[in-house]
Amino acid sequence: MFNENETLTTGEPADRKALRVIGWFSMGMAVATIGIYLGYELRCRYKFKRRTPYDFYSSAEAQTANEFGVGI
């Protein structure tokens, strides 16, 4: 008949395999998250260093009258 000892000696238990897969998956997700975050920070710093004096005043345009709401 069917014995528990035979199933355990043929390989790793299913619980251990599942935990190993979950562990490797979470490690991969952590590495990917850190990589995305570091890439974002490096890109922001690169863009910040490449600014010109015109970039500081790019939003300082003259406002026209049509930008304001008409009150009734």
N, C-alpha and C. Protein backbone atom coordinates (compact mmCIF):
# COMPACT_ATOMS: atom_id res chain seq x y z
N MET A 1 0.82 -1.19 0.00
CA MET A 1 0.00 0.00 0.00
C MET A 1 0.86 1.25 0.00
N PHE A 2 0.24 2.33 0.27
CA PHE A 2 0.87 3.64 0.18
C PHE A 2 1.39 4.07 1.55
N ASN A 3 2.70 4.36 1.64
CA ASN A 3 3.29 4.79 2.91
C ASN A 3 3.77 6.24 2.80
N GLU A 4 3.72 6.95 3.92
CA GLU A 4 4.22 8.33 3.94
C GLU A 4 5.73 8.37 3.78
N ASN A 5 6.43 7.40 4.34
CA ASN A 5 7.89 7.40 4.28
C ASN A 5 8.39 7.31 2.86
N GLU A 6 7.72 6.62 2.01
CA GLU A 6 8.16 6.49 0.62
C GLU A 6 8.06 7.82 -0.12
N THR A 7 7.05 8.60 0.15
CA THR A 7 6.89 9.88 -0.55
C THR A 7 7.91 10.90 -0.09
N LEU A 8 8.32 10.85 1.17
CA LEU A 8 9.27 11.82 1.68
C LEU A 8 10.69 11.51 1.23
N THR A 9 11.02 10.28 0.98
CA THR A 9 12.38 9.94 0.62
C THR A 9 12.65 10.11 -0.87
N THR A 10 11.62 10.27 -1.69
CA THR A 10 11.84 10.40 -3.13
C THR A 10 12.32 11.78 -3.53
N GLY A 11 12.13 12.76 -2.75
CA GLY A 11 12.57 14.12 -3.07
C GLY A 11 12.21 15.07 -1.94
N GLU A 12 12.29 16.36 -2.22
CA GLU A 12 11.93 17.34 -1.21
C GLU A 12 10.43 17.36 -1.01
N PRO A 13 10.00 17.69 0.20
CA PRO A 13 8.55 17.84 0.42
C PRO A 13 8.01 19.02 -0.39
N ALA A 14 6.75 18.95 -0.73
CA ALA A 14 6.13 19.99 -1.54
C ALA A 14 6.15 21.34 -0.82
N ASP A 15 6.01 21.34 0.50
CA ASP A 15 6.02 22.60 1.25
C ASP A 15 7.37 23.30 1.12
N ARG A 16 8.43 22.52 1.20
CA ARG A 16 9.77 23.11 1.11
C ARG A 16 10.02 23.68 -0.29
N LYS A 17 9.57 22.96 -1.31
CA LYS A 17 9.73 23.46 -2.67
C LYS A 17 8.95 24.75 -2.87
N ALA A 18 7.74 24.80 -2.36
CA ALA A 18 6.91 26.00 -2.50
C ALA A 18 7.55 27.19 -1.80
N LEU A 19 8.07 26.97 -0.60
CA LEU A 19 8.72 28.05 0.12
C LEU A 19 9.99 28.51 -0.60
N ARG A 20 10.71 27.59 -1.20
CA ARG A 20 11.91 27.95 -1.95
C ARG A 20 11.55 28.80 -3.17
N VAL A 21 10.49 28.41 -3.87
CA VAL A 21 10.06 29.18 -5.04
C VAL A 21 9.59 30.57 -4.62
N ILE A 22 8.82 30.64 -3.55
CA ILE A 22 8.35 31.94 -3.06
C ILE A 22 9.53 32.80 -2.63
N GLY A 23 10.51 32.22 -1.99
CA GLY A 23 11.69 32.97 -1.56
C GLY A 23 12.48 33.53 -2.73
N TRP A 24 12.72 32.71 -3.75
CA TRP A 24 13.45 33.19 -4.93
C TRP A 24 12.66 34.26 -5.67
N PHE A 25 11.35 34.09 -5.75
CA PHE A 25 10.52 35.08 -6.42
C PHE A 25 10.56 36.42 -5.68
N SER A 26 10.48 36.37 -4.36
CA SER A 26 10.51 37.62 -3.59
C SER A 26 11.88 38.28 -3.67
N MET A 27 12.94 37.49 -3.73
CA MET A 27 14.27 38.07 -3.90
C MET A 27 14.39 38.77 -5.26
N GLY A 28 13.86 38.13 -6.28
CA GLY A 28 13.88 38.74 -7.61
C GLY A 28 13.09 40.03 -7.66
N MET A 29 11.93 40.03 -7.02
CA MET A 29 11.12 41.25 -6.99
C MET A 29 11.84 42.36 -6.22
N ALA A 30 12.53 42.02 -5.14
CA ALA A 30 13.26 43.02 -4.37
C ALA A 30 14.39 43.61 -5.20
N VAL A 31 15.12 42.77 -5.92
CA VAL A 31 16.21 43.26 -6.77
C VAL A 31 15.66 44.16 -7.88
N ALA A 32 14.54 43.76 -8.48
CA ALA A 32 13.94 44.58 -9.53
C ALA A 32 13.48 45.93 -8.99
N THR A 33 12.89 45.92 -7.81
CA THR A 33 12.41 47.17 -7.20
C THR A 33 13.57 48.10 -6.89
N ILE A 34 14.63 47.57 -6.35
CA ILE A 34 15.80 48.39 -6.03
C ILE A 34 16.42 48.94 -7.33
N GLY A 35 16.47 48.13 -8.37
CA GLY A 35 17.01 48.58 -9.64
C GLY A 35 16.19 49.69 -10.25
N ILE A 36 14.88 49.57 -10.19
CA ILE A 36 14.01 50.62 -10.74
C ILE A 36 14.17 51.91 -9.94
N TYR A 37 14.23 51.80 -8.61
CA TYR A 37 14.38 52.98 -7.78
C TYR A 37 15.73 53.67 -8.03
N LEU A 38 16.80 52.89 -8.09
CA LEU A 38 18.11 53.49 -8.33
C LEU A 38 18.19 54.12 -9.72
N GLY A 39 17.59 53.49 -10.72
CA GLY A 39 17.56 54.06 -12.05
C GLY A 39 16.81 55.38 -12.08
N TYR A 40 15.70 55.44 -11.37
CA TYR A 40 14.92 56.68 -11.30
C TYR A 40 15.74 57.80 -10.64
N GLU A 41 16.39 57.47 -9.52
CA GLU A 41 17.18 58.49 -8.82
C GLU A 41 18.36 58.97 -9.66
N LEU A 42 19.04 58.06 -10.33
CA LEU A 42 20.16 58.46 -11.17
C LEU A 42 19.70 59.34 -12.33
N ARG A 43 18.56 59.02 -12.91
CA ARG A 43 18.03 59.81 -14.02
C ARG A 43 17.64 61.21 -13.55
N CYS A 44 17.01 61.30 -12.37
CA CYS A 44 16.63 62.61 -11.83
C CYS A 44 17.87 63.46 -11.55
N ARG A 45 18.89 62.86 -11.00
CA ARG A 45 20.12 63.61 -10.73
C ARG A 45 20.81 64.04 -12.01
N TYR A 46 20.79 63.19 -13.02
CA TYR A 46 21.39 63.53 -14.31
C TYR A 46 20.65 64.71 -14.94
N LYS A 47 19.32 64.67 -14.90
CA LYS A 47 18.54 65.75 -15.48
C LYS A 47 18.73 67.04 -14.69
N PHE A 48 18.88 66.95 -13.37
CA PHE A 48 19.05 68.14 -12.54
C PHE A 48 20.38 68.84 -12.85
N LYS A 49 21.42 68.07 -13.09
CA LYS A 49 22.73 68.66 -13.37
C LYS A 49 22.81 69.27 -14.75
N ARG A 50 21.94 68.85 -15.67
CA ARG A 50 21.98 69.32 -17.05
C ARG A 50 21.08 70.53 -17.30
N ARG A 51 20.56 71.15 -16.26
CA ARG A 51 19.67 72.29 -16.46
C ARG A 51 20.45 73.52 -16.92
N THR A 52 19.80 74.36 -17.68
CA THR A 52 20.38 75.63 -18.14
C THR A 52 19.70 76.75 -17.37
N PRO A 53 20.26 77.95 -17.43
CA PRO A 53 19.60 79.08 -16.75
C PRO A 53 18.19 79.35 -17.27
N TYR A 54 17.93 79.02 -18.52
CA TYR A 54 16.59 79.24 -19.07
C TYR A 54 15.57 78.30 -18.44
N ASP A 55 15.99 77.15 -17.97
CA ASP A 55 15.07 76.21 -17.35
C ASP A 55 14.51 76.74 -16.02
N PHE A 56 15.28 77.58 -15.34
CA PHE A 56 14.82 78.11 -14.07
C PHE A 56 13.64 79.06 -14.25
N TYR A 57 13.61 79.76 -15.40
CA TYR A 57 12.57 80.76 -15.64
C TYR A 57 11.60 80.34 -16.74
N SER A 58 11.48 79.03 -17.00
CA SER A 58 10.62 78.58 -18.09
C SER A 58 9.15 78.80 -17.79
N SER A 59 8.76 78.88 -16.53
CA SER A 59 7.35 79.08 -16.19
C SER A 59 7.03 80.54 -15.91
N ALA A 60 7.97 81.44 -16.13
CA ALA A 60 7.78 82.86 -15.82
C ALA A 60 7.31 83.63 -17.05
N GLU A 61 6.33 83.10 -17.75
CA GLU A 61 5.81 83.79 -18.92
C GLU A 61 4.76 84.81 -18.49
N ALA A 62 4.51 85.76 -19.37
CA ALA A 62 3.48 86.75 -19.08
C ALA A 62 2.11 86.08 -19.16
N GLN A 63 1.30 86.29 -18.14
CA GLN A 63 -0.03 85.69 -18.13
C GLN A 63 -0.99 86.59 -18.89
N THR A 64 -1.83 85.97 -19.67
CA THR A 64 -2.82 86.74 -20.44
C THR A 64 -4.16 86.71 -19.72
N ALA A 65 -5.06 87.59 -20.17
CA ALA A 65 -6.36 87.74 -19.49
C ALA A 65 -7.23 86.50 -19.68
N ASN A 66 -7.04 85.73 -20.74
CA ASN A 66 -7.91 84.59 -20.98
C ASN A 66 -7.59 83.41 -20.06
N GLU A 67 -6.57 83.52 -19.25
CA GLU A 67 -6.24 82.44 -18.32
C GLU A 67 -7.08 82.52 -17.04
N PHE A 68 -7.77 83.62 -16.85
CA PHE A 68 -8.51 83.79 -15.62
C PHE A 68 -9.99 83.53 -15.90
N GLY A 69 -10.70 83.06 -14.88
CA GLY A 69 -12.12 82.74 -15.04
C GLY A 69 -12.97 84.00 -15.11
N VAL A 70 -14.11 83.89 -15.75
CA VAL A 70 -15.05 85.00 -15.85
C VAL A 70 -16.13 84.79 -14.80
N GLY A 71 -16.22 85.68 -13.86
CA GLY A 71 -17.21 85.53 -12.81
C GLY A 71 -18.57 86.05 -13.24
N ILE A 72 -19.58 85.34 -12.86
CA ILE A 72 -20.94 85.79 -13.20
C ILE A 72 -21.69 86.10 -11.93
